[in-house]
Amino acid sequence: MNEAFRGDLVQIINVIMEPADRPETLPPSTRAVPYQGWIKGLLVDDHARIGDQVTIKTFIGRHLSGKLYAVGPTYDHGFGRPRPELLPIGALARKLLGEDG
């Protein structure tokens, strides 16, 4: 989806700190790019397309502005593949605690 309407769930990008304002203690590759936030909320504007400057209302009631990044964003993070060596830990802990069923 490339366009959104008032009340749609969207995600914006907001530049929090420009490279020139970032601490000198950061590695050069990190310091060279802006520090950005990706914030989800409900679109306040009547209509917008990806890349437009928009205002959103977050779920705690804050009004924030930024560039429209996504319409109907999803959570796509994960914890990776299960580590075989960690699989028996829960059963071992229950056994050690005397809670093995």
Protein backbone atom coordinates (compact mmCIF):
# COMPACT_ATOMS: atom_id res chain seq x y z
CA MET A 1 0.00 0.00 0.00
CA ASN A 2 1.38 3.36 -1.01
CA GLU A 3 -1.31 5.63 0.37
CA ALA A 4 -3.05 6.10 3.69
CA PHE A 5 -6.11 7.90 4.98
CA ARG A 6 -7.02 9.52 8.29
CA GLY A 7 -7.04 6.91 11.06
CA ASP A 8 -4.95 4.30 9.21
CA LEU A 9 -2.11 2.65 11.10
CA VAL A 10 1.15 3.97 9.66
CA GLN A 11 4.83 4.21 10.44
CA ILE A 12 6.95 7.34 10.12
CA ILE A 13 10.68 8.01 10.11
CA ASN A 14 11.78 10.90 12.26
CA VAL A 15 15.37 12.20 12.33
CA ILE A 16 16.23 12.56 16.01
CA MET A 17 19.85 13.66 15.64
CA GLU A 18 21.81 14.76 12.59
CA PRO A 19 25.32 13.33 12.06
CA ALA A 20 26.99 16.62 13.07
CA ASP A 21 25.23 16.48 16.45
CA ARG A 22 26.15 12.88 17.30
CA PRO A 23 28.79 12.23 19.99
CA GLU A 24 32.41 11.97 18.90
CA THR A 25 32.74 8.81 21.00
CA LEU A 26 30.70 6.84 18.44
CA PRO A 27 32.50 4.80 15.77
CA PRO A 28 32.97 6.89 12.60
CA SER A 29 30.62 4.69 10.55
CA THR A 30 27.85 5.18 13.12
CA ARG A 31 28.49 8.88 13.58
CA ALA A 32 28.28 9.45 9.80
CA VAL A 33 24.53 8.70 9.60
CA PRO A 34 21.55 10.38 11.28
CA TYR A 35 20.01 8.81 14.38
CA GLN A 36 16.46 7.98 13.32
CA GLY A 37 13.32 6.75 15.00
CA TRP A 38 10.60 4.64 13.40
CA ILE A 39 7.30 5.39 15.11
CA LYS A 40 3.89 3.79 14.60
CA GLY A 41 0.59 5.55 15.08
CA LEU A 42 -2.65 6.62 13.47
CA LEU A 43 -2.54 9.09 10.60
CA VAL A 44 -3.94 12.52 11.51
CA ASP A 45 -3.80 13.94 7.97
CA ASP A 46 -6.71 13.32 5.59
CA HIS A 47 -4.58 11.58 2.95
CA ALA A 48 -0.88 10.82 2.40
CA ARG A 49 1.47 8.81 0.24
CA ILE A 50 4.74 7.10 1.14
CA GLY A 51 7.42 9.79 1.46
CA ASP A 52 5.01 12.60 2.44
CA GLN A 53 5.57 14.63 5.60
CA VAL A 54 2.71 13.65 7.94
CA THR A 55 1.48 13.85 11.51
CA ILE A 56 0.49 10.79 13.50
CA LYS A 57 -1.13 10.22 16.87
CA THR A 58 0.66 7.49 18.83
CA PHE A 59 -1.16 5.00 21.00
CA ILE A 60 -0.26 7.01 24.11
CA GLY A 61 -1.69 10.19 22.58
CA ARG A 62 1.44 11.98 21.37
CA HIS A 63 1.33 13.87 18.06
CA LEU A 64 4.55 13.41 16.07
CA SER A 65 5.59 14.42 12.58
CA GLY A 66 7.86 12.64 10.16
CA LYS A 67 8.15 11.12 6.71
CA LEU A 68 5.57 8.43 5.97
CA TYR A 69 7.49 5.16 5.72
CA ALA A 70 4.85 2.40 5.75
CA VAL A 71 1.10 1.90 5.69
CA GLY A 72 -0.20 -0.99 7.81
CA PRO A 73 3.26 -1.84 9.22
CA THR A 74 3.89 -5.31 10.58
CA TYR A 75 6.19 -6.68 13.24
CA ASP A 76 8.78 -8.74 11.38
CA HIS A 77 11.42 -9.32 14.01
CA GLY A 78 12.32 -12.72 15.36
CA PHE A 79 14.74 -14.44 17.68
CA GLY A 80 16.45 -16.53 15.02
CA ARG A 81 16.67 -20.30 14.80
CA PRO A 82 16.41 -22.34 18.01
CA ARG A 83 19.79 -23.27 19.45
CA PRO A 84 19.79 -27.08 19.99
CA GLU A 85 22.00 -26.79 23.07
CA LEU A 86 19.42 -24.53 24.75
CA LEU A 87 16.34 -26.69 24.13
CA PRO A 88 16.71 -28.96 27.22
CA ILE A 89 17.33 -26.08 29.64
CA GLY A 90 13.67 -25.58 30.60
CA ALA A 91 13.18 -29.25 31.49
CA LEU A 92 16.50 -29.31 33.37
CA ALA A 93 15.54 -26.22 35.38
CA ARG A 94 12.16 -27.73 36.31
CA LYS A 95 13.89 -30.96 37.38
CA LEU A 96 16.41 -29.10 39.53
CA LEU A 97 13.59 -27.09 41.12
CA GLY A 98 11.56 -30.25 41.79
CA GLU A 99 8.82 -29.26 39.37
CA ASP A 100 9.23 -32.06 36.85
CA GLY A 101 5.58 -32.92 36.71
